[in-house]
C-alpha atoms as a PDB file:
ATOM      1  CA  MET A   1       1.753 -41.295   0.906  1.00  0.00           C
ATOM      2  CA  SER A   2       2.227 -41.972   4.612  1.00  0.00           C
ATOM      3  CA  SER A   3       0.572 -39.688   7.147  1.00  0.00           C
ATOM      4  CA  GLU A   4       4.039 -38.819   8.477  1.00  0.00           C
ATOM      5  CA  ARG A   5       5.199 -37.739   5.013  1.00  0.00           C
ATOM      6  CA  LEU A   6       1.983 -35.755   4.531  1.00  0.00           C
ATOM      7  CA  ASP A   7       2.570 -33.955   7.849  1.00  0.00           C
ATOM      8  CA  GLU A   8       6.142 -33.147   6.779  1.00  0.00           C
ATOM      9  CA  LEU A   9       4.918 -31.836   3.438  1.00  0.00           C
ATOM     10  CA  ARG A  10       2.263 -29.640   5.108  1.00  0.00           C
ATOM     11  CA  ALA A  11       4.895 -28.248   7.468  1.00  0.00           C
ATOM     12  CA  ALA A  12       7.227 -27.563   4.539  1.00  0.00           C
ATOM     13  CA  VAL A  13       4.432 -25.748   2.633  1.00  0.00           C
ATOM     14  CA  ALA A  14       3.599 -23.690   5.730  1.00  0.00           C
ATOM     15  CA  GLN A  15       7.265 -22.768   6.129  1.00  0.00           C
ATOM     16  CA  GLU A  16       7.566 -21.810   2.454  1.00  0.00           C
ATOM     17  CA  MET A  17       4.471 -19.619   2.811  1.00  0.00           C
ATOM     18  CA  GLN A  18       6.072 -17.849   5.775  1.00  0.00           C
ATOM     19  CA  HIS A  19       9.282 -17.346   3.811  1.00  0.00           C
ATOM     20  CA  MET A  20       7.355 -16.076   0.784  1.00  0.00           C
ATOM     21  CA  GLN A  21       5.342 -13.639   2.923  1.00  0.00           C
ATOM     22  CA  ALA A  22       8.557 -12.351   4.471  1.00  0.00           C
ATOM     23  CA  ALA A  23      10.158 -11.952   1.027  1.00  0.00           C
ATOM     24  CA  VAL A  24       7.109 -10.096  -0.340  1.00  0.00           C
ATOM     25  CA  ASP A  25       7.030  -7.907   2.760  1.00  0.00           C
ATOM     26  CA  ALA A  26      10.742  -7.084   2.459  1.00  0.00           C
ATOM     27  CA  TYR A  27      10.403  -6.367  -1.262  1.00  0.00           C
ATOM     28  CA  ASP A  28       7.404  -4.095  -0.734  1.00  0.00           C
ATOM     29  CA  GLU A  29       9.316  -2.227   1.977  1.00  0.00           C
ATOM     30  CA  ALA A  30      12.242  -1.729  -0.421  1.00  0.00           C
ATOM     31  CA  ALA A  31       9.846  -0.653  -3.208  1.00  0.00           C
ATOM     32  CA  ALA A  32       8.159   1.871  -0.900  1.00  0.00           C
ATOM     33  CA  ASN A  33      11.565   3.260   0.077  1.00  0.00           C
ATOM     34  CA  PHE A  34      12.574   3.460  -3.592  1.00  0.00           C
ATOM     35  CA  LEU A  35       9.423   5.459  -4.362  1.00  0.00           C
ATOM     36  CA  GLY A  36       9.787   7.630  -1.258  1.00  0.00           C
ATOM     37  CA  VAL A  37       6.433   6.550   0.202  1.00  0.00           C
ATOM     38  CA  ASN A  38       5.163   4.524   3.128  1.00  0.00           C
ATOM     39  CA  ARG A  39       3.557   1.099   2.849  1.00  0.00           C
ATOM     40  CA  THR A  40      -0.009   2.421   2.900  1.00  0.00           C
ATOM     41  CA  ASP A  41       0.846   4.844   0.095  1.00  0.00           C
ATOM     42  CA  LEU A  42       2.331   1.943  -1.854  1.00  0.00           C
ATOM     43  CA  ARG A  43      -0.865  -0.070  -1.359  1.00  0.00           C
ATOM     44  CA  CYS A  44      -2.884   2.932  -2.585  1.00  0.00           C
ATOM     45  CA  LEU A  45      -0.787   3.047  -5.759  1.00  0.00           C
ATOM     46  CA  GLU A  46      -1.300  -0.692  -6.186  1.00  0.00           C
ATOM     47  CA  ILE A  47      -5.075  -0.252  -5.957  1.00  0.00           C
ATOM     48  CA  LEU A  48      -5.033   2.612  -8.451  1.00  0.00           C
ATOM     49  CA  GLY A  49      -2.793   0.638 -10.800  1.00  0.00           C
ATOM     50  CA  SER A  50      -4.967  -2.456 -10.748  1.00  0.00           C
ATOM     51  CA  GLN A  51      -8.487  -1.008 -10.378  1.00  0.00           C
ATOM     52  CA  GLY A  52      -8.074   2.224 -12.276  1.00  0.00           C
ATOM     53  CA  PRO A  53      -9.626   5.496 -11.185  1.00  0.00           C
ATOM     54  CA  VAL A  54     -11.493   5.341  -7.868  1.00  0.00           C
ATOM     55  CA  THR A  55     -12.994   7.771  -5.389  1.00  0.00           C
ATOM     56  CA  PRO A  56     -11.415   8.478  -2.002  1.00  0.00           C
ATOM     57  CA  SER A  57     -14.443   6.801  -0.420  1.00  0.00           C
ATOM     58  CA  VAL A  58     -13.323   3.539  -2.053  1.00  0.00           C
ATOM     59  CA  LEU A  59      -9.703   3.943  -0.941  1.00  0.00           C
ATOM     60  CA  GLY A  60     -10.486   4.574   2.733  1.00  0.00           C
ATOM     61  CA  PRO A  61     -12.079   1.204   3.526  1.00  0.00           C
ATOM     62  CA  ALA A  62      -9.663  -0.659   1.251  1.00  0.00           C
ATOM     63  CA  LEU A  63      -6.722   0.773   3.190  1.00  0.00           C
ATOM     64  CA  GLY A  64      -8.330   0.889   6.625  1.00  0.00           C
ATOM     65  CA  LEU A  65      -8.027   4.682   6.755  1.00  0.00           C
ATOM     66  CA  THR A  66     -10.245   7.470   8.020  1.00  0.00           C
ATOM     67  CA  THR A  67     -11.408  10.243   5.710  1.00  0.00           C
ATOM     68  CA  GLY A  68      -8.775  12.617   7.088  1.00  0.00           C
ATOM     69  CA  SER A  69      -5.998  10.059   6.672  1.00  0.00           C
ATOM     70  CA  VAL A  70      -7.044   9.413   3.069  1.00  0.00           C
ATOM     71  CA  THR A  71      -6.890  13.137   2.334  1.00  0.00           C
ATOM     72  CA  ALA A  72      -3.395  13.426   3.862  1.00  0.00           C
ATOM     73  CA  MET A  73      -2.209  10.386   1.888  1.00  0.00           C
ATOM     74  CA  LEU A  74      -3.631  11.751  -1.380  1.00  0.00           C
ATOM     75  CA  ASP A  75      -1.984  15.112  -0.701  1.00  0.00           C
ATOM     76  CA  ARG A  76       1.406  13.377  -0.226  1.00  0.00           C
ATOM     77  CA  LEU A  77       1.061  11.246  -3.352  1.00  0.00           C
ATOM     78  CA  GLU A  78      -0.133  14.181  -5.446  1.00  0.00           C
ATOM     79  CA  ARG A  79       2.862  16.284  -4.319  1.00  0.00           C
ATOM     80  CA  LEU A  80       5.155  13.435  -5.401  1.00  0.00           C
ATOM     81  CA  GLY A  81       3.482  13.372  -8.821  1.00  0.00           C
ATOM     82  CA  TYR A  82       2.092   9.849  -8.315  1.00  0.00           C
ATOM     83  CA  LEU A  83      -1.610  10.614  -8.629  1.00  0.00           C
ATOM     84  CA  THR A  84      -4.098  13.190  -9.805  1.00  0.00           C
ATOM     85  CA  ARG A  85      -7.495  14.183  -8.475  1.00  0.00           C
ATOM     86  CA  SER A  86     -10.227  15.473 -10.728  1.00  0.00           C
ATOM     87  CA  PRO A  87     -13.990  15.963 -10.565  1.00  0.00           C
ATOM     88  CA  ASP A  88     -16.056  12.868 -11.308  1.00  0.00           C
ATOM     89  CA  PRO A  89     -17.628  13.428 -14.749  1.00  0.00           C
ATOM     90  CA  SER A  90     -20.865  11.754 -13.626  1.00  0.00           C
ATOM     91  CA  ASP A  91     -21.110  13.586 -10.281  1.00  0.00           C
ATOM     92  CA  ARG A  92     -19.163  16.836  -9.969  1.00  0.00           C
ATOM     93  CA  ARG A  93     -19.457  16.672  -6.152  1.00  0.00           C
ATOM     94  CA  LYS A  94     -17.142  13.647  -6.131  1.00  0.00           C
ATOM     95  CA  VAL A  95     -13.438  13.411  -6.838  1.00  0.00           C
ATOM     96  CA  VAL A  96     -11.788  10.686  -8.897  1.00  0.00           C
ATOM     97  CA  VAL A  97      -8.225   9.652  -8.110  1.00  0.00           C
ATOM     98  CA  ARG A  98      -5.946   8.326 -10.861  1.00  0.00           C
ATOM     99  CA  ILE A  99      -2.394   7.015 -10.882  1.00  0.00           C
ATOM    100  CA  THR A 100      -0.045   9.068 -13.070  1.00  0.00           C
ATOM    101  CA  GLU A 101       1.948   7.645 -15.949  1.00  0.00           C
ATOM    102  CA  GLU A 102       5.138   8.391 -13.970  1.00  0.00           C
ATOM    103  CA  ALA A 103       3.958   6.293 -11.025  1.00  0.00           C
ATOM    104  CA  ALA A 104       2.720   3.491 -13.290  1.00  0.00           C
ATOM    105  CA  THR A 105       6.086   3.427 -15.070  1.00  0.00           C
ATOM    106  CA  LYS A 106       8.012   3.300 -11.793  1.00  0.00           C
ATOM    107  CA  ALA A 107       5.723   0.554 -10.486  1.00  0.00           C
ATOM    108  CA  TRP A 108       6.308  -1.477 -13.652  1.00  0.00           C
ATOM    109  CA  GLU A 109      10.075  -1.011 -13.274  1.00  0.00           C
ATOM    110  CA  LEU A 110       9.780  -2.486  -9.780  1.00  0.00           C
ATOM    111  CA  TYR A 111       7.159  -5.183 -10.266  1.00  0.00           C
ATOM    112  CA  GLY A 112       7.275  -5.919 -14.011  1.00  0.00           C
ATOM    113  CA  PRO A 113      10.315  -8.211 -13.816  1.00  0.00           C
ATOM    114  CA  ILE A 114       8.627 -10.180 -11.038  1.00  0.00           C
ATOM    115  CA  ALA A 115       5.479 -10.568 -13.154  1.00  0.00           C
ATOM    116  CA  THR A 116       7.512 -11.671 -16.165  1.00  0.00           C
ATOM    117  CA  GLU A 117       9.553 -14.201 -14.209  1.00  0.00           C
ATOM    118  CA  GLY A 118       6.393 -15.340 -12.429  1.00  0.00           C
ATOM    119  CA  GLU A 119       4.850 -16.210 -15.786  1.00  0.00           C
ATOM    120  CA  ALA A 120       7.863 -18.392 -16.528  1.00  0.00           C
ATOM    121  CA  VAL A 121       7.485 -20.134 -13.171  1.00  0.00           C
ATOM    122  CA  MET A 122       3.785 -20.773 -13.825  1.00  0.00           C
ATOM    123  CA  ALA A 123       4.613 -22.186 -17.265  1.00  0.00           C
ATOM    124  CA  GLU A 124       6.286 -25.087 -15.448  1.00  0.00           C
ATOM    125  CA  PHE A 125       2.894 -26.266 -14.133  1.00  0.00           C
ATOM    126  CA  GLY A 126      -0.050 -27.849 -15.877  1.00  0.00           C
ATOM    127  CA  ALA A 127      -3.649 -26.654 -15.721  1.00  0.00           C
ATOM    128  CA  ALA A 128      -4.687 -29.051 -12.946  1.00  0.00           C
ATOM    129  CA  GLU A 129      -1.693 -28.090 -10.808  1.00  0.00           C
ATOM    130  CA  LEU A 130      -2.324 -24.385 -11.340  1.00  0.00           C
ATOM    131  CA  GLU A 131      -5.972 -24.817 -10.405  1.00  0.00           C
ATOM    132  CA  ARG A 132      -4.947 -26.449  -7.116  1.00  0.00           C
ATOM    133  CA  VAL A 133      -2.417 -23.695  -6.425  1.00  0.00           C
ATOM    134  CA  ARG A 134      -5.043 -21.053  -7.254  1.00  0.00           C
ATOM    135  CA  LEU A 135      -7.521 -22.701  -4.912  1.00  0.00           C
ATOM    136  CA  PHE A 136      -4.936 -22.907  -2.125  1.00  0.00           C
ATOM    137  CA  LEU A 137      -3.968 -19.262  -2.526  1.00  0.00           C
ATOM    138  CA  SER A 138      -7.597 -18.150  -2.695  1.00  0.00           C
ATOM    139  CA  ARG A 139      -8.510 -20.015   0.474  1.00  0.00           C
ATOM    140  CA  SER A 140      -5.394 -18.727   2.239  1.00  0.00           C
ATOM    141  CA  ARG A 141      -6.254 -15.139   1.272  1.00  0.00           C
ATOM    142  CA  GLU A 142      -9.832 -15.585   2.481  1.00  0.00           C
ATOM    143  CA  LEU A 143      -8.500 -16.922   5.779  1.00  0.00           C
ATOM    144  CA  TYR A 144      -6.361 -13.813   6.274  1.00  0.00           C
ATOM    145  CA  GLU A 145      -9.218 -11.513   5.276  1.00  0.00           C
ATOM    146  CA  ARG A 146     -11.506 -13.107   7.872  1.00  0.00           C
ATOM    147  CA  HIS A 147      -8.902 -12.691  10.568  1.00  0.00           C
ATOM    148  CA  LEU A 148      -8.139  -9.149   9.475  1.00  0.00           C
ATOM    149  CA  GLU A 149     -11.801  -8.316  10.029  1.00  0.00           C
ATOM    150  CA  ARG A 150     -11.625  -9.956  13.460  1.00  0.00           C
ATOM    151  CA  VAL A 151      -8.540  -7.980  14.486  1.00  0.00           C
ATOM    152  CA  ARG A 152      -9.843  -4.677  13.104  1.00  0.00           C
ATOM    153  CA  ALA A 153     -13.119  -5.196  14.966  1.00  0.00           C
ATOM    154  CA  GLU A 154     -11.333  -5.016  18.323  1.00  0.00           C
ATOM    155  CA  PRO A 155      -9.236  -1.801  18.203  1.00  0.00           C
ATOM    156  CA  ALA A 156     -10.043  -0.825  21.784  1.00  0.00           C
ATOM    157  CA  LYS A 157      -8.554  -4.049  23.152  1.00  0.00           C
ATOM    158  CA  GLN A 158      -5.399  -3.533  21.088  1.00  0.00           C
ATOM    159  CA  GLY A 159      -4.933  -0.009  22.446  1.00  0.00           C
ATOM    160  CA  ARG A 160      -5.371  -1.117  26.069  1.00  0.00           C
ATOM    161  CA  ARG A 161      -2.825  -3.889  25.629  1.00  0.00           C
ATOM    162  CA  ARG A 162      -0.255  -1.491  24.141  1.00  0.00           C
ATOM    163  CA  ALA A 163      -0.771   1.030  26.909  1.00  0.00           C
ATOM    164  CA  ARG A 164      -0.050  -1.638  29.539  1.00  0.00           C
ATOM    165  CA  GLY A 165       2.778  -3.075  27.476  1.00  0.00           C
END
């Protein structure tokens, strides 16, 4: 493959990634609206749905929230019937947060068809191709996580820029 063709292909992949990110972002916004929650609340439900019961101290760092913000979020989601809080059986001083069956069912209604169709898309690729795609996605995620840490580490600069804005 010529270097020119390789450059074109890289540009096309980068463009498709941008389009995919925009589509995922738009879908998540629509899903949050459907559920009557904000995007952080939706992410909380995603964590609870995939990781199972967790403590608020796990949710805070995962969502980039303070203790007070986590409490307010959990209050909102509990009022909506999307989660429950109960004492941790191994340490009664802690609280365990769980997604409700109602929230899990609604999440599956929203994301289940995507998962099902996604399996069909993946069935079109062989093991070697899927391994390369997995590696690409993993490295791309790690790249974003590193830069997220960088951006979160400089909140004072962000605030000063906005104030001047």
